[in-house]
Amino acid sequence: MTAVTIQCCAPIAREPLSETDAADLALMLKAVADPVRLRLLSMIGSHAGGEACVCDLTDAFDLTAPTISHHLKVLRTAGLIDGERRGTWVYYRIIPEAVNRLGALFAPLTEPAPRSVELELTPA
């Protein structure tokens, strides 16, 4: 007979976060807590080809170009996006690992559950 531990909860409900993980994740959460930045992240991620030119982003907002640049810098500093200069324009793309890490923090948290479930497996 073998006991197997199955993790049943999202990371935040499974075990306490380390100080470093909490600081990293808080920076990302703070970055997406702003509606403009959340929209920018969504626009970049859903743009054809997986990247968007800053010129494609500015018209969607009633904000100045420097303000949009500031929001993009916050997302970049948080590690959620990366950019590449091509001529006079900067093209942004989501960093999938960072966004997935942020999303995985809460999923699949549907209800509180015990830290782990012990299953007793018997050979067939």
N, C-alpha and C. Protein backbone atom coordinates (compact mmCIF):
# COMPACT_ATOMS: atom_id res chain seq x y z
N MET A 1 0.85 -1.17 0.00
CA MET A 1 0.00 0.00 0.00
C MET A 1 0.89 1.23 0.00
N THR A 2 0.57 2.20 -0.86
CA THR A 2 1.36 3.42 -0.99
C THR A 2 0.48 4.62 -0.73
N ALA A 3 0.97 5.56 0.05
CA ALA A 3 0.24 6.82 0.29
C ALA A 3 0.76 7.86 -0.68
N VAL A 4 -0.17 8.52 -1.36
CA VAL A 4 0.18 9.57 -2.32
C VAL A 4 -0.48 10.86 -1.85
N THR A 5 0.28 11.92 -1.80
CA THR A 5 -0.26 13.22 -1.43
C THR A 5 -0.60 13.99 -2.70
N ILE A 6 -1.84 14.41 -2.79
CA ILE A 6 -2.30 15.19 -3.94
C ILE A 6 -2.56 16.61 -3.46
N GLN A 7 -1.97 17.57 -4.13
CA GLN A 7 -2.20 18.97 -3.77
C GLN A 7 -3.56 19.37 -4.34
N CYS A 8 -4.43 19.88 -3.50
CA CYS A 8 -5.80 20.16 -3.93
C CYS A 8 -6.11 21.64 -4.00
N CYS A 9 -5.19 22.45 -3.66
CA CYS A 9 -5.51 23.88 -3.53
C CYS A 9 -4.53 24.74 -4.32
N ALA A 10 -4.94 25.96 -4.51
CA ALA A 10 -4.04 26.95 -5.12
C ALA A 10 -2.86 27.18 -4.20
N PRO A 11 -1.73 27.62 -4.73
CA PRO A 11 -0.55 27.84 -3.90
C PRO A 11 -0.79 28.71 -2.68
N ILE A 12 -1.63 29.72 -2.81
CA ILE A 12 -1.85 30.63 -1.68
C ILE A 12 -2.58 29.93 -0.52
N ALA A 13 -3.32 28.86 -0.83
CA ALA A 13 -4.05 28.13 0.21
C ALA A 13 -3.31 26.88 0.67
N ARG A 14 -2.27 26.51 -0.04
CA ARG A 14 -1.52 25.29 0.28
C ARG A 14 -0.52 25.51 1.38
N GLU A 15 0.22 26.61 1.28
CA GLU A 15 1.26 26.89 2.26
C GLU A 15 1.55 28.38 2.27
N PRO A 16 2.08 28.87 3.37
CA PRO A 16 2.39 30.31 3.43
C PRO A 16 3.46 30.67 2.40
N LEU A 17 3.32 31.84 1.82
CA LEU A 17 4.31 32.33 0.86
C LEU A 17 5.58 32.74 1.59
N SER A 18 6.71 32.56 0.92
CA SER A 18 7.96 33.05 1.49
C SER A 18 7.96 34.57 1.39
N GLU A 19 8.84 35.19 2.13
CA GLU A 19 8.94 36.66 2.10
C GLU A 19 9.29 37.15 0.69
N THR A 20 10.20 36.45 0.03
CA THR A 20 10.62 36.84 -1.32
C THR A 20 9.48 36.67 -2.32
N ASP A 21 8.80 35.51 -2.28
CA ASP A 21 7.67 35.29 -3.18
C ASP A 21 6.57 36.31 -2.96
N ALA A 22 6.28 36.60 -1.71
CA ALA A 22 5.24 37.58 -1.40
C ALA A 22 5.60 38.96 -1.95
N ALA A 23 6.86 39.36 -1.82
CA ALA A 23 7.29 40.66 -2.33
C ALA A 23 7.20 40.71 -3.86
N ASP A 24 7.64 39.63 -4.52
CA ASP A 24 7.58 39.57 -5.99
C ASP A 24 6.13 39.61 -6.48
N LEU A 25 5.30 38.79 -5.87
CA LEU A 25 3.90 38.73 -6.29
C LEU A 25 3.16 40.02 -5.97
N ALA A 26 3.48 40.65 -4.86
CA ALA A 26 2.84 41.92 -4.50
C ALA A 26 3.16 43.00 -5.53
N LEU A 27 4.39 43.01 -6.03
CA LEU A 27 4.78 43.96 -7.07
C LEU A 27 3.93 43.76 -8.32
N MET A 28 3.72 42.49 -8.71
CA MET A 28 2.90 42.20 -9.88
C MET A 28 1.44 42.56 -9.64
N LEU A 29 0.92 42.20 -8.47
CA LEU A 29 -0.47 42.51 -8.15
C LEU A 29 -0.70 44.02 -8.11
N LYS A 30 0.25 44.74 -7.55
CA LYS A 30 0.14 46.20 -7.49
C LYS A 30 0.12 46.79 -8.90
N ALA A 31 0.92 46.21 -9.79
CA ALA A 31 0.97 46.70 -11.17
C ALA A 31 -0.36 46.51 -11.89
N VAL A 32 -1.01 45.38 -11.69
CA VAL A 32 -2.27 45.13 -12.39
C VAL A 32 -3.49 45.66 -11.64
N ALA A 33 -3.28 46.22 -10.45
CA ALA A 33 -4.39 46.76 -9.68
C ALA A 33 -4.91 48.08 -10.25
N ASP A 34 -4.18 48.66 -11.16
CA ASP A 34 -4.60 49.91 -11.81
C ASP A 34 -5.38 49.56 -13.08
N PRO A 35 -6.57 50.14 -13.28
CA PRO A 35 -7.38 49.81 -14.46
C PRO A 35 -6.68 50.06 -15.80
N VAL A 36 -5.93 51.14 -15.89
CA VAL A 36 -5.22 51.42 -17.15
C VAL A 36 -4.18 50.34 -17.42
N ARG A 37 -3.41 49.98 -16.41
CA ARG A 37 -2.38 48.95 -16.60
C ARG A 37 -3.00 47.58 -16.89
N LEU A 38 -4.11 47.28 -16.25
CA LEU A 38 -4.78 46.02 -16.52
C LEU A 38 -5.27 45.97 -17.96
N ARG A 39 -5.82 47.07 -18.43
CA ARG A 39 -6.25 47.14 -19.83
C ARG A 39 -5.07 47.04 -20.78
N LEU A 40 -3.97 47.73 -20.47
CA LEU A 40 -2.78 47.64 -21.32
C LEU A 40 -2.28 46.21 -21.41
N LEU A 41 -2.22 45.53 -20.28
CA LEU A 41 -1.77 44.14 -20.26
C LEU A 41 -2.67 43.27 -21.12
N SER A 42 -3.97 43.48 -21.01
CA SER A 42 -4.94 42.74 -21.81
C SER A 42 -4.80 43.06 -23.30
N MET A 43 -4.62 44.33 -23.61
CA MET A 43 -4.47 44.72 -25.01
C MET A 43 -3.22 44.13 -25.63
N ILE A 44 -2.14 44.13 -24.87
CA ILE A 44 -0.88 43.57 -25.38
C ILE A 44 -1.03 42.06 -25.59
N GLY A 45 -1.57 41.39 -24.59
CA GLY A 45 -1.71 39.93 -24.67
C GLY A 45 -2.66 39.46 -25.75
N SER A 46 -3.70 40.24 -26.02
CA SER A 46 -4.69 39.81 -27.01
C SER A 46 -4.43 40.37 -28.40
N HIS A 47 -3.38 41.14 -28.56
CA HIS A 47 -3.06 41.74 -29.86
C HIS A 47 -2.57 40.66 -30.82
N ALA A 48 -2.90 40.82 -32.08
CA ALA A 48 -2.47 39.87 -33.10
C ALA A 48 -0.96 39.68 -33.06
N GLY A 49 -0.52 38.45 -33.06
CA GLY A 49 0.91 38.17 -33.03
C GLY A 49 1.50 38.17 -31.64
N GLY A 50 0.69 38.49 -30.62
CA GLY A 50 1.16 38.44 -29.25
C GLY A 50 2.02 39.61 -28.81
N GLU A 51 2.10 40.64 -29.65
CA GLU A 51 2.83 41.84 -29.26
C GLU A 51 2.14 43.05 -29.86
N ALA A 52 2.32 44.18 -29.19
CA ALA A 52 1.66 45.40 -29.64
C ALA A 52 2.65 46.56 -29.62
N CYS A 53 2.56 47.36 -30.66
CA CYS A 53 3.36 48.58 -30.73
C CYS A 53 2.72 49.61 -29.80
N VAL A 54 3.55 50.41 -29.18
CA VAL A 54 3.02 51.46 -28.31
C VAL A 54 2.08 52.36 -29.10
N CYS A 55 2.31 52.48 -30.39
CA CYS A 55 1.44 53.30 -31.24
C CYS A 55 0.04 52.71 -31.35
N ASP A 56 -0.10 51.39 -31.14
CA ASP A 56 -1.41 50.73 -31.16
C ASP A 56 -2.15 50.87 -29.83
N LEU A 57 -1.45 51.26 -28.79
CA LEU A 57 -2.03 51.29 -27.45
C LEU A 57 -2.54 52.66 -27.04
N THR A 58 -1.88 53.71 -27.49
CA THR A 58 -2.17 55.06 -26.97
C THR A 58 -3.55 55.58 -27.35
N ASP A 59 -4.06 55.23 -28.52
CA ASP A 59 -5.36 55.77 -28.97
C ASP A 59 -6.54 55.26 -28.15
N ALA A 60 -6.36 54.15 -27.45
CA ALA A 60 -7.46 53.56 -26.67
C ALA A 60 -7.73 54.31 -25.37
N PHE A 61 -6.85 55.24 -25.03
CA PHE A 61 -6.95 55.94 -23.75
C PHE A 61 -7.02 57.45 -23.97
N ASP A 62 -7.66 58.11 -23.05
CA ASP A 62 -7.69 59.57 -23.06
C ASP A 62 -6.58 60.06 -22.12
N LEU A 63 -5.36 59.62 -22.43
CA LEU A 63 -4.19 59.94 -21.62
C LEU A 63 -3.06 60.40 -22.53
N THR A 64 -2.12 61.12 -21.98
CA THR A 64 -0.97 61.57 -22.76
C THR A 64 -0.01 60.40 -22.99
N ALA A 65 0.82 60.52 -24.00
CA ALA A 65 1.82 59.49 -24.29
C ALA A 65 2.77 59.27 -23.11
N PRO A 66 3.23 60.32 -22.42
CA PRO A 66 4.09 60.08 -21.26
C PRO A 66 3.39 59.28 -20.15
N THR A 67 2.09 59.48 -19.98
CA THR A 67 1.35 58.74 -18.96
C THR A 67 1.26 57.26 -19.35
N ILE A 68 0.98 57.00 -20.62
CA ILE A 68 0.95 55.61 -21.10
C ILE A 68 2.33 54.98 -20.92
N SER A 69 3.38 55.70 -21.25
CA SER A 69 4.74 55.20 -21.08
C SER A 69 5.03 54.86 -19.62
N HIS A 70 4.55 55.70 -18.71
CA HIS A 70 4.73 55.43 -17.28
C HIS A 70 4.06 54.11 -16.89
N HIS A 71 2.82 53.91 -17.34
CA HIS A 71 2.10 52.68 -17.02
C HIS A 71 2.81 51.45 -17.61
N LEU A 72 3.30 51.58 -18.82
CA LEU A 72 4.04 50.48 -19.43
C LEU A 72 5.33 50.18 -18.67
N LYS A 73 5.97 51.23 -18.16
CA LYS A 73 7.19 51.05 -17.37
C LYS A 73 6.88 50.29 -16.07
N VAL A 74 5.76 50.59 -15.45
CA VAL A 74 5.37 49.90 -14.22
C VAL A 74 5.15 48.41 -14.51
N LEU A 75 4.46 48.11 -15.61
CA LEU A 75 4.24 46.71 -15.99
C LEU A 75 5.56 46.01 -16.30
N ARG A 76 6.45 46.74 -16.93
CA ARG A 76 7.76 46.17 -17.29
C ARG A 76 8.61 45.94 -16.04
N THR A 77 8.61 46.89 -15.13
CA THR A 77 9.36 46.77 -13.88
C THR A 77 8.84 45.60 -13.04
N ALA A 78 7.54 45.36 -13.10
CA ALA A 78 6.93 44.24 -12.37
C ALA A 78 7.22 42.90 -13.03
N GLY A 79 7.82 42.94 -14.23
CA GLY A 79 8.18 41.70 -14.91
C GLY A 79 7.05 41.06 -15.67
N LEU A 80 5.98 41.81 -15.94
CA LEU A 80 4.84 41.25 -16.64
C LEU A 80 4.93 41.39 -18.16
N ILE A 81 5.65 42.40 -18.62
CA ILE A 81 5.83 42.61 -20.05
C ILE A 81 7.30 42.89 -20.34
N ASP A 82 7.62 42.74 -21.61
CA ASP A 82 8.96 43.09 -22.08
C ASP A 82 8.77 43.90 -23.35
N GLY A 83 9.75 44.69 -23.70
CA GLY A 83 9.64 45.53 -24.88
C GLY A 83 10.90 45.48 -25.72
N GLU A 84 10.72 45.77 -26.98
CA GLU A 84 11.84 45.79 -27.93
C GLU A 84 11.68 46.99 -28.84
N ARG A 85 12.72 47.82 -28.88
CA ARG A 85 12.69 49.00 -29.75
C ARG A 85 12.99 48.58 -31.17
N ARG A 86 12.12 49.04 -32.08
CA ARG A 86 12.31 48.81 -33.52
C ARG A 86 12.12 50.16 -34.20
N GLY A 87 13.22 50.76 -34.53
CA GLY A 87 13.16 52.11 -35.09
C GLY A 87 12.72 53.09 -34.03
N THR A 88 11.64 53.83 -34.32
CA THR A 88 11.16 54.82 -33.35
C THR A 88 10.11 54.25 -32.41
N TRP A 89 9.64 53.03 -32.65
CA TRP A 89 8.57 52.45 -31.84
C TRP A 89 9.09 51.35 -30.93
N VAL A 90 8.37 51.14 -29.83
CA VAL A 90 8.67 50.03 -28.93
C VAL A 90 7.51 49.06 -29.03
N TYR A 91 7.82 47.78 -29.20
CA TYR A 91 6.83 46.72 -29.27
C TYR A 91 6.87 45.94 -27.96
N TYR A 92 5.68 45.75 -27.38
CA TYR A 92 5.57 45.09 -26.08
C TYR A 92 4.93 43.72 -26.23
N ARG A 93 5.35 42.80 -25.38
CA ARG A 93 4.76 41.47 -25.33
C ARG A 93 4.69 41.02 -23.88
N ILE A 94 3.72 40.19 -23.60
CA ILE A 94 3.55 39.64 -22.25
C ILE A 94 4.65 38.61 -22.00
N ILE A 95 5.10 38.51 -20.77
CA ILE A 95 6.02 37.45 -20.36
C ILE A 95 5.13 36.35 -19.77
N PRO A 96 4.89 35.28 -20.54
CA PRO A 96 3.93 34.26 -20.13
C PRO A 96 4.20 33.65 -18.76
N GLU A 97 5.45 33.40 -18.44
CA GLU A 97 5.77 32.78 -17.14
C GLU A 97 5.31 33.65 -15.98
N ALA A 98 5.50 34.95 -16.11
CA ALA A 98 5.11 35.88 -15.04
C ALA A 98 3.60 35.96 -14.90
N VAL A 99 2.90 36.08 -16.02
CA VAL A 99 1.45 36.17 -15.98
C VAL A 99 0.86 34.85 -15.49
N ASN A 100 1.43 33.73 -15.92
CA ASN A 100 0.96 32.43 -15.44
C ASN A 100 1.19 32.27 -13.94
N ARG A 101 2.32 32.76 -13.46
CA ARG A 101 2.61 32.69 -12.02
C ARG A 101 1.58 33.49 -11.23
N LEU A 102 1.25 34.63 -11.74
CA LEU A 102 0.25 35.47 -11.09
C LEU A 102 -1.11 34.78 -11.09
N GLY A 103 -1.49 34.23 -12.23
CA GLY A 103 -2.78 33.55 -12.34
C GLY A 103 -2.84 32.29 -11.48
N ALA A 104 -1.75 31.56 -11.41
CA ALA A 104 -1.72 30.31 -10.65
C ALA A 104 -1.79 30.55 -9.15
N LEU A 105 -1.54 31.75 -8.73
CA LEU A 105 -1.57 32.06 -7.31
C LEU A 105 -2.93 31.73 -6.70
N PHE A 106 -4.00 31.95 -7.45
CA PHE A 106 -5.35 31.74 -6.93
C PHE A 106 -6.09 30.56 -7.55
N ALA A 107 -5.66 30.09 -8.69
CA ALA A 107 -6.39 29.01 -9.36
C ALA A 107 -5.82 27.66 -8.96
N PRO A 108 -6.57 26.66 -8.81
CA PRO A 108 -8.03 26.54 -8.82
C PRO A 108 -8.60 26.62 -7.43
N LEU A 109 -8.70 27.78 -6.89
CA LEU A 109 -9.22 27.98 -5.54
C LEU A 109 -10.74 28.17 -5.63
N THR A 110 -11.48 27.07 -5.52
CA THR A 110 -12.93 27.15 -5.60
C THR A 110 -13.56 27.16 -4.22
N GLU A 111 -12.92 26.53 -3.27
CA GLU A 111 -13.41 26.53 -1.90
C GLU A 111 -12.26 26.16 -0.99
N PRO A 112 -12.33 26.54 0.27
CA PRO A 112 -11.27 26.16 1.20
C PRO A 112 -11.18 24.64 1.28
N ALA A 113 -9.98 24.16 1.34
CA ALA A 113 -9.78 22.72 1.39
C ALA A 113 -8.62 22.42 2.32
N PRO A 114 -8.51 21.18 2.77
CA PRO A 114 -7.37 20.82 3.61
C PRO A 114 -6.08 20.98 2.83
N ARG A 115 -4.98 21.05 3.55
CA ARG A 115 -3.67 21.27 2.93
C ARG A 115 -3.33 20.20 1.90
N SER A 116 -3.69 18.99 2.16
CA SER A 116 -3.47 17.92 1.19
C SER A 116 -4.44 16.79 1.51
N VAL A 117 -4.63 15.93 0.55
CA VAL A 117 -5.51 14.79 0.72
C VAL A 117 -4.66 13.55 0.59
N GLU A 118 -4.74 12.68 1.57
CA GLU A 118 -3.98 11.44 1.53
C GLU A 118 -4.87 10.37 0.91
N LEU A 119 -4.38 9.74 -0.14
CA LEU A 119 -5.07 8.63 -0.78
C LEU A 119 -4.29 7.37 -0.53
N GLU A 120 -4.98 6.34 -0.14
CA GLU A 120 -4.36 5.05 0.04
C GLU A 120 -4.54 4.28 -1.27
N LEU A 121 -3.44 3.92 -1.90
CA LEU A 121 -3.49 3.16 -3.14
C LEU A 121 -3.11 1.72 -2.84
N THR A 122 -3.91 0.79 -3.32
CA THR A 122 -3.58 -0.60 -3.16
C THR A 122 -3.26 -1.19 -4.52
N PRO A 123 -2.27 -2.04 -4.59
CA PRO A 123 -1.92 -2.63 -5.89
C PRO A 123 -3.08 -3.46 -6.42
N ALA A 124 -3.27 -3.42 -7.73
CA ALA A 124 -4.38 -4.16 -8.35
C ALA A 124 -4.05 -5.62 -8.52
